[in-house]
PDB file of N, CA and C in Angstrom:
ATOM      1  N   UNK A   1       0.845  -1.182   0.000  1.00  0.00           N
ATOM      2  CA  UNK A   1       0.000   0.000   0.000  1.00  0.00           C
ATOM      3  C   UNK A   1       0.887   1.241   0.000  1.00  0.00           C
ATOM      4  N   UNK A   2       0.586   2.185  -0.875  1.00  0.00           N
ATOM      5  CA  UNK A   2       1.344   3.430  -0.942  1.00  0.00           C
ATOM      6  C   UNK A   2       0.583   4.544  -0.242  1.00  0.00           C
ATOM      7  N   UNK A   3       1.333   5.371   0.459  1.00  0.00           N
ATOM      8  CA  UNK A   3       0.777   6.546   1.119  1.00  0.00           C
ATOM      9  C   UNK A   3       1.564   7.775   0.694  1.00  0.00           C
ATOM     10  N   UNK A   4       0.971   8.930   0.892  1.00  0.00           N
ATOM     11  CA  UNK A   4       1.660  10.192   0.664  1.00  0.00           C
ATOM     12  C   UNK A   4       1.822  10.890   1.999  1.00  0.00           C
ATOM     13  N   UNK A   5       2.888  11.666   2.100  1.00  0.00           N
ATOM     14  CA  UNK A   5       3.124  12.409   3.323  1.00  0.00           C
ATOM     15  C   UNK A   5       4.231  13.414   3.143  1.00  0.00           C
ATOM     16  N   UNK A   6       4.653  13.985   4.274  1.00  0.00           N
ATOM     17  CA  UNK A   6       5.726  14.972   4.272  1.00  0.00           C
ATOM     18  C   UNK A   6       6.770  14.574   5.300  1.00  0.00           C
ATOM     19  N   UNK A   7       8.016  14.907   4.995  1.00  0.00           N
ATOM     20  CA  UNK A   7       9.079  14.689   5.963  1.00  0.00           C
ATOM     21  C   UNK A   7       8.778  15.577   7.166  1.00  0.00           C
ATOM     22  N   UNK A   8       8.729  14.955   8.332  1.00  0.00           N
ATOM     23  CA  UNK A   8       8.410  15.689   9.559  1.00  0.00           C
ATOM     24  C   UNK A   8       9.689  16.064  10.309  1.00  0.00           C
ATOM     25  N   UNK A   9      10.614  15.088  10.397  1.00  0.00           N
ATOM     26  CA  UNK A   9      11.841  15.317  11.166  1.00  0.00           C
ATOM     27  C   UNK A   9      12.971  14.511  10.540  1.00  0.00           C
ATOM     28  N   UNK A  10      14.179  15.076  10.567  1.00  0.00           N
ATOM     29  CA  UNK A  10      15.385  14.409  10.092  1.00  0.00           C
ATOM     30  C   UNK A  10      16.341  14.286  11.269  1.00  0.00           C
ATOM     31  N   UNK A  11      16.903  13.109  11.466  1.00  0.00           N
ATOM     32  CA  UNK A  11      17.929  12.897  12.479  1.00  0.00           C
ATOM     33  C   UNK A  11      19.201  12.514  11.738  1.00  0.00           C
ATOM     34  N   UNK A  12      19.965  13.540  11.320  1.00  0.00           N
ATOM     35  CA  UNK A  12      21.132  13.337  10.459  1.00  0.00           C
ATOM     36  C   UNK A  12      22.153  12.383  11.074  1.00  0.00           C
ATOM     37  N   UNK A  13      22.405  12.492  12.354  1.00  0.00           N
ATOM     38  CA  UNK A  13      23.388  11.642  13.018  1.00  0.00           C
ATOM     39  C   UNK A  13      23.014  10.171  13.032  1.00  0.00           C
ATOM     40  N   UNK A  14      21.733   9.889  12.946  1.00  0.00           N
ATOM     41  CA  UNK A  14      21.258   8.501  12.953  1.00  0.00           C
ATOM     42  C   UNK A  14      20.926   8.006  11.553  1.00  0.00           C
ATOM     43  N   UNK A  15      20.905   8.916  10.583  1.00  0.00           N
ATOM     44  CA  UNK A  15      20.561   8.523   9.216  1.00  0.00           C
ATOM     45  C   UNK A  15      19.107   8.117   9.083  1.00  0.00           C
ATOM     46  N   UNK A  16      18.249   8.771   9.858  1.00  0.00           N
ATOM     47  CA  UNK A  16      16.838   8.393   9.856  1.00  0.00           C
ATOM     48  C   UNK A  16      15.960   9.625  10.003  1.00  0.00           C
ATOM     49  N   UNK A  17      14.668   9.387  10.010  1.00  0.00           N
ATOM     50  CA  UNK A  17      13.732  10.483  10.182  1.00  0.00           C
ATOM     51  C   UNK A  17      12.320   9.975  10.347  1.00  0.00           C
ATOM     52  N   UNK A  18      11.387  10.911  10.305  1.00  0.00           N
ATOM     53  CA  UNK A  18       9.979  10.603  10.472  1.00  0.00           C
ATOM     54  C   UNK A  18       9.186  11.248   9.346  1.00  0.00           C
ATOM     55  N   UNK A  19       8.218  10.504   8.832  1.00  0.00           N
ATOM     56  CA  UNK A  19       7.293  11.010   7.825  1.00  0.00           C
ATOM     57  C   UNK A  19       5.930  11.132   8.482  1.00  0.00           C
ATOM     58  N   UNK A  20       5.239  12.247   8.230  1.00  0.00           N
ATOM     59  CA  UNK A  20       3.855  12.377   8.669  1.00  0.00           C
ATOM     60  C   UNK A  20       2.970  12.143   7.456  1.00  0.00           C
ATOM     61  N   UNK A  21       2.184  11.073   7.506  1.00  0.00           N
ATOM     62  CA  UNK A  21       1.295  10.726   6.396  1.00  0.00           C
ATOM     63  C   UNK A  21       0.144  11.716   6.323  1.00  0.00           C
ATOM     64  N   UNK A  22      -0.498  11.760   5.164  1.00  0.00           N
ATOM     65  CA  UNK A  22      -1.619  12.684   4.973  1.00  0.00           C
ATOM     66  C   UNK A  22      -2.774  12.386   5.928  1.00  0.00           C
ATOM     67  N   UNK A  23      -2.823  11.159   6.474  1.00  0.00           N
ATOM     68  CA  UNK A  23      -3.882  10.823   7.436  1.00  0.00           C
ATOM     69  C   UNK A  23      -3.470  11.107   8.886  1.00  0.00           C
ATOM     70  N   UNK A  24      -2.270  11.697   9.076  1.00  0.00           N
ATOM     71  CA  UNK A  24      -1.824  12.085  10.410  1.00  0.00           C
ATOM     72  C   UNK A  24      -0.932  11.087  11.120  1.00  0.00           C
ATOM     73  N   UNK A  25      -0.828   9.852  10.607  1.00  0.00           N
ATOM     74  CA  UNK A  25       0.043   8.864  11.248  1.00  0.00           C
ATOM     75  C   UNK A  25       1.508   9.193  10.980  1.00  0.00           C
ATOM     76  N   UNK A  26       2.386   8.794  11.908  1.00  0.00           N
ATOM     77  CA  UNK A  26       3.823   8.995  11.756  1.00  0.00           C
ATOM     78  C   UNK A  26       4.504   7.677  11.441  1.00  0.00           C
ATOM     79  N   UNK A  27       5.506   7.744  10.568  1.00  0.00           N
ATOM     80  CA  UNK A  27       6.253   6.568  10.139  1.00  0.00           C
ATOM     81  C   UNK A  27       7.745   6.847  10.219  1.00  0.00           C
ATOM     82  N   UNK A  28       8.486   5.947  10.843  1.00  0.00           N
ATOM     83  CA  UNK A  28       9.945   6.005  10.874  1.00  0.00           C
ATOM     84  C   UNK A  28      10.480   5.622   9.500  1.00  0.00           C
ATOM     85  N   UNK A  29      11.609   6.206   9.087  1.00  0.00           N
ATOM     86  CA  UNK A  29      12.314   5.717   7.906  1.00  0.00           C
ATOM     87  C   UNK A  29      13.817   5.802   8.144  1.00  0.00           C
ATOM     88  N   UNK A  30      14.559   4.947   7.467  1.00  0.00           N
ATOM     89  CA  UNK A  30      16.018   4.926   7.496  1.00  0.00           C
ATOM     90  C   UNK A  30      16.511   5.327   6.118  1.00  0.00           C
ATOM     91  N   UNK A  31      17.688   5.946   6.053  1.00  0.00           N
ATOM     92  CA  UNK A  31      18.193   6.419   4.758  1.00  0.00           C
ATOM     93  C   UNK A  31      18.307   5.298   3.732  1.00  0.00           C
ATOM     94  N   UNK A  32      18.455   4.063   4.178  1.00  0.00           N
ATOM     95  CA  UNK A  32      18.558   2.932   3.244  1.00  0.00           C
ATOM     96  C   UNK A  32      17.221   2.625   2.567  1.00  0.00           C
ATOM     97  N   UNK A  33      16.138   3.240   3.024  1.00  0.00           N
ATOM     98  CA  UNK A  33      14.812   3.033   2.436  1.00  0.00           C
ATOM     99  C   UNK A  33      14.509   4.018   1.313  1.00  0.00           C
ATOM    100  N   UNK A  34      15.420   4.948   1.043  1.00  0.00           N
ATOM    101  CA  UNK A  34      15.169   5.990   0.045  1.00  0.00           C
ATOM    102  C   UNK A  34      15.436   5.497  -1.369  1.00  0.00           C
ATOM    103  N   UNK A  35      14.578   5.886  -2.297  1.00  0.00           N
ATOM    104  CA  UNK A  35      14.757   5.619  -3.726  1.00  0.00           C
ATOM    105  C   UNK A  35      14.557   6.929  -4.468  1.00  0.00           C
ATOM    106  N   UNK A  36      15.593   7.394  -5.166  1.00  0.00           N
ATOM    107  CA  UNK A  36      15.480   8.641  -5.917  1.00  0.00           C
ATOM    108  C   UNK A  36      15.550   9.881  -5.048  1.00  0.00           C
ATOM    109  N   UNK A  37      16.003   9.730  -3.824  1.00  0.00           N
ATOM    110  CA  UNK A  37      16.150  10.849  -2.891  1.00  0.00           C
ATOM    111  C   UNK A  37      17.538  10.806  -2.273  1.00  0.00           C
ATOM    112  N   UNK A  38      18.106  11.965  -2.024  1.00  0.00           N
ATOM    113  CA  UNK A  38      19.394  12.080  -1.346  1.00  0.00           C
ATOM    114  C   UNK A  38      19.107  12.473   0.103  1.00  0.00           C
ATOM    115  N   UNK A  39      19.461  11.615   1.046  1.00  0.00           N
ATOM    116  CA  UNK A  39      19.171  11.870   2.461  1.00  0.00           C
ATOM    117  C   UNK A  39      19.687  13.237   2.900  1.00  0.00           C
ATOM    118  N   UNK A  40      20.873  13.609   2.438  1.00  0.00           N
ATOM    119  CA  UNK A  40      21.484  14.871   2.858  1.00  0.00           C
ATOM    120  C   UNK A  40      20.714  16.090   2.356  1.00  0.00           C
ATOM    121  N   UNK A  41      19.881  15.914   1.321  1.00  0.00           N
ATOM    122  CA  UNK A  41      19.119  17.034   0.765  1.00  0.00           C
ATOM    123  C   UNK A  41      17.674  17.074   1.254  1.00  0.00           C
ATOM    124  N   UNK A  42      17.252  16.064   2.003  1.00  0.00           N
ATOM    125  CA  UNK A  42      15.882  16.056   2.527  1.00  0.00           C
ATOM    126  C   UNK A  42      15.698  17.146   3.571  1.00  0.00           C
ATOM    127  N   UNK A  43      14.534  17.760   3.546  1.00  0.00           N
ATOM    128  CA  UNK A  43      14.193  18.803   4.509  1.00  0.00           C
ATOM    129  C   UNK A  43      12.775  18.575   5.022  1.00  0.00           C
ATOM    130  N   UNK A  44      12.507  18.968   6.267  1.00  0.00           N
ATOM    131  CA  UNK A  44      11.130  18.898   6.751  1.00  0.00           C
ATOM    132  C   UNK A  44      10.207  19.644   5.788  1.00  0.00           C
ATOM    133  N   UNK A  45       9.070  19.031   5.506  1.00  0.00           N
ATOM    134  CA  UNK A  45       8.103  19.610   4.585  1.00  0.00           C
ATOM    135  C   UNK A  45       8.178  19.033   3.182  1.00  0.00           C
ATOM    136  N   UNK A  46       9.292  18.345   2.832  1.00  0.00           N
ATOM    137  CA  UNK A  46       9.389  17.708   1.516  1.00  0.00           C
ATOM    138  C   UNK A  46       8.306  16.648   1.387  1.00  0.00           C
ATOM    139  N   UNK A  47       7.623  16.627   0.247  1.00  0.00           N
ATOM    140  CA  UNK A  47       6.559  15.657   0.014  1.00  0.00           C
ATOM    141  C   UNK A  47       7.134  14.363  -0.548  1.00  0.00           C
ATOM    142  N   UNK A  48       6.643  13.240  -0.025  1.00  0.00           N
ATOM    143  CA  UNK A  48       7.109  11.923  -0.450  1.00  0.00           C
ATOM    144  C   UNK A  48       5.934  10.964  -0.597  1.00  0.00           C
ATOM    145  N   UNK A  49       6.179   9.889  -1.324  1.00  0.00           N
ATOM    146  CA  UNK A  49       5.279   8.741  -1.386  1.00  0.00           C
ATOM    147  C   UNK A  49       6.050   7.593  -0.763  1.00  0.00           C
ATOM    148  N   UNK A  50       5.353   6.702  -0.069  1.00  0.00           N
ATOM    149  CA  UNK A  50       6.074   5.611   0.577  1.00  0.00           C
ATOM    150  C   UNK A  50       5.189   4.392   0.764  1.00  0.00           C
ATOM    151  N   UNK A  51       5.863   3.267   0.907  1.00  0.00           N
ATOM    152  CA  UNK A  51       5.218   2.012   1.271  1.00  0.00           C
ATOM    153  C   UNK A  51       5.603   1.745   2.716  1.00  0.00           C
ATOM    154  N   UNK A  52       4.825   0.928   3.405  1.00  0.00           N
ATOM    155  CA  UNK A  52       5.151   0.701   4.809  1.00  0.00           C
ATOM    156  C   UNK A  52       4.860  -0.726   5.242  1.00  0.00           C
ATOM    157  N   UNK A  53       5.412  -1.058   6.389  1.00  0.00           N
ATOM    158  CA  UNK A  53       5.219  -2.353   7.023  1.00  0.00           C
ATOM    159  C   UNK A  53       5.235  -2.089   8.518  1.00  0.00           C
ATOM    160  N   UNK A  54       4.891  -3.097   9.300  1.00  0.00           N
ATOM    161  CA  UNK A  54       5.002  -2.952  10.749  1.00  0.00           C
ATOM    162  C   UNK A  54       6.220  -3.719  11.213  1.00  0.00           C
ATOM    163  N   UNK A  55       6.995  -3.102  12.075  1.00  0.00           N
ATOM    164  CA  UNK A  55       8.239  -3.690  12.560  1.00  0.00           C
ATOM    165  C   UNK A  55       8.146  -3.866  14.064  1.00  0.00           C
ATOM    166  N   UNK A  56       8.657  -4.967  14.511  1.00  0.00           N
ATOM    167  CA  UNK A  56       8.723  -5.201  15.951  1.00  0.00           C
ATOM    168  C   UNK A  56      10.153  -5.605  16.274  1.00  0.00           C
ATOM    169  N   UNK A  57      10.812  -4.774  17.047  1.00  0.00           N
ATOM    170  CA  UNK A  57      12.163  -5.086  17.482  1.00  0.00           C
ATOM    171  C   UNK A  57      12.113  -6.017  18.684  1.00  0.00           C
ATOM    172  N   UNK A  58      13.276  -6.496  19.118  1.00  0.00           N
ATOM    173  CA  UNK A  58      13.304  -7.429  20.248  1.00  0.00           C
ATOM    174  C   UNK A  58      12.774  -6.823  21.544  1.00  0.00           C
ATOM    175  N   UNK A  59      12.887  -5.508  21.681  1.00  0.00           N
ATOM    176  CA  UNK A  59      12.418  -4.868  22.917  1.00  0.00           C
ATOM    177  C   UNK A  59      11.446  -3.729  22.641  1.00  0.00           C
ATOM    178  N   UNK A  60      10.970  -3.616  21.402  1.00  0.00           N
ATOM    179  CA  UNK A  60      10.079  -2.511  21.071  1.00  0.00           C
ATOM    180  C   UNK A  60       8.722  -3.025  20.627  1.00  0.00           C
ATOM    181  N   UNK A  61       7.674  -2.241  20.870  1.00  0.00           N
ATOM    182  CA  UNK A  61       6.349  -2.634  20.390  1.00  0.00           C
ATOM    183  C   UNK A  61       6.268  -2.481  18.873  1.00  0.00           C
ATOM    184  N   UNK A  62       5.227  -3.014  18.298  1.00  0.00           N
ATOM    185  CA  UNK A  62       5.001  -2.900  16.864  1.00  0.00           C
ATOM    186  C   UNK A  62       4.898  -1.426  16.488  1.00  0.00           C
ATOM    187  N   UNK A  63       5.596  -1.038  15.431  1.00  0.00           N
ATOM    188  CA  UNK A  63       5.564   0.353  14.979  1.00  0.00           C
ATOM    189  C   UNK A  63       5.582   0.387  13.460  1.00  0.00           C
ATOM    190  N   UNK A  64       4.856   1.330  12.853  1.00  0.00           N
ATOM    191  CA  UNK A  64       4.869   1.422  11.394  1.00  0.00           C
ATOM    192  C   UNK A  64       6.196   1.985  10.896  1.00  0.00           C
ATOM    193  N   UNK A  65       6.755   1.339   9.872  1.00  0.00           N
ATOM    194  CA  UNK A  65       8.037   1.738   9.306  1.00  0.00           C
ATOM    195  C   UNK A  65       7.887   1.907   7.803  1.00  0.00           C
ATOM    196  N   UNK A  66       8.331   3.048   7.278  1.00  0.00           N
ATOM    197  CA  UNK A  66       8.336   3.263   5.832  1.00  0.00           C
ATOM    198  C   UNK A  66       9.446   2.400   5.243  1.00  0.00           C
ATOM    199  N   UNK A  67       9.106   1.556   4.278  1.00  0.00           N
ATOM    200  CA  UNK A  67      10.089   0.630   3.722  1.00  0.00           C
ATOM    201  C   UNK A  67      10.630   1.070   2.373  1.00  0.00           C
ATOM    202  N   UNK A  68       9.892   1.859   1.622  1.00  0.00           N
ATOM    203  CA  UNK A  68      10.346   2.422   0.349  1.00  0.00           C
ATOM    204  C   UNK A  68       9.854   3.860   0.311  1.00  0.00           C
ATOM    205  N   UNK A  69      10.779   4.816   0.229  1.00  0.00           N
ATOM    206  CA  UNK A  69      10.410   6.233   0.234  1.00  0.00           C
ATOM    207  C   UNK A  69      10.890   6.859  -1.067  1.00  0.00           C
ATOM    208  N   UNK A  70       9.967   7.468  -1.794  1.00  0.00           N
ATOM    209  CA  UNK A  70      10.267   8.091  -3.089  1.00  0.00           C
ATOM    210  C   UNK A  70       9.767   9.533  -3.087  1.00  0.00           C
ATOM    211  N   UNK A  71      10.285  10.346  -4.023  1.00  0.00           N
ATOM    212  CA  UNK A  71       9.743  11.697  -4.147  1.00  0.00           C
ATOM    213  C   UNK A  71       8.283  11.640  -4.575  1.00  0.00           C
ATOM    214  N   UNK A  72       7.471  12.528  -4.078  1.00  0.00           N
ATOM    215  CA  UNK A  72       6.067  12.587  -4.497  1.00  0.00           C
ATOM    216  C   UNK A  72       6.014  12.954  -5.969  1.00  0.00           C
ATOM    217  N   UNK A  73       5.189  12.265  -6.718  1.00  0.00           N
ATOM    218  CA  UNK A  73       5.037  12.557  -8.136  1.00  0.00           C
ATOM    219  C   UNK A  73       6.213  12.138  -8.990  1.00  0.00           C
ATOM    220  N   UNK A  74       7.142  11.362  -8.431  1.00  0.00           N
ATOM    221  CA  UNK A  74       8.260  10.851  -9.204  1.00  0.00           C
ATOM    222  C   UNK A  74       9.390  11.836  -9.443  1.00  0.00           C
ATOM    223  N   UNK A  75       9.349  13.010  -8.817  1.00  0.00           N
ATOM    224  CA  UNK A  75      10.401  14.011  -9.004  1.00  0.00           C
ATOM    225  C   UNK A  75      11.634  13.624  -8.206  1.00  0.00           C
ATOM    226  N   UNK A  76      12.789  13.482  -8.884  1.00  0.00           N
ATOM    227  CA  UNK A  76      14.018  13.101  -8.189  1.00  0.00           C
ATOM    228  C   UNK A  76      14.633  14.298  -7.484  1.00  0.00           C
ATOM    229  N   UNK A  77      15.205  14.031  -6.295  1.00  0.00           N
ATOM    230  CA  UNK A  77      15.882  15.075  -5.537  1.00  0.00           C
ATOM    231  C   UNK A  77      17.278  14.611  -5.156  1.00  0.00           C
ATOM    232  N   UNK A  78      17.928  13.851  -6.044  1.00  0.00           N
ATOM    233  CA  UNK A  78      19.230  13.297  -5.678  1.00  0.00           C
ATOM    234  C   UNK A  78      20.382  13.940  -6.428  1.00  0.00           C
ATOM    235  N   UNK A  79      20.204  15.078  -6.979  1.00  0.00           N
ATOM    236  CA  UNK A  79      21.354  15.696  -7.583  1.00  0.00           C
ATOM    237  C   UNK A  79      21.001  16.677  -8.574  1.00  0.00           C
TER     238      UNK A  79
END
């Protein structure tokens, strides 16, 4: 399932961030999940499309995770 949203927060030191979906839910993403985007150029407010799954770590509850993050509308932002 694909959703649309905006970059909410970037944690440069961790190589990760948060996306706020158009329905208000928040999704974690890691820089390795990006396609057609340069992590270093991402800014809060950038629009993206993404796929998601639920992840459960050994000590964490189930949480939604963006697994493929692309520019909204197919526009590349990687250079």
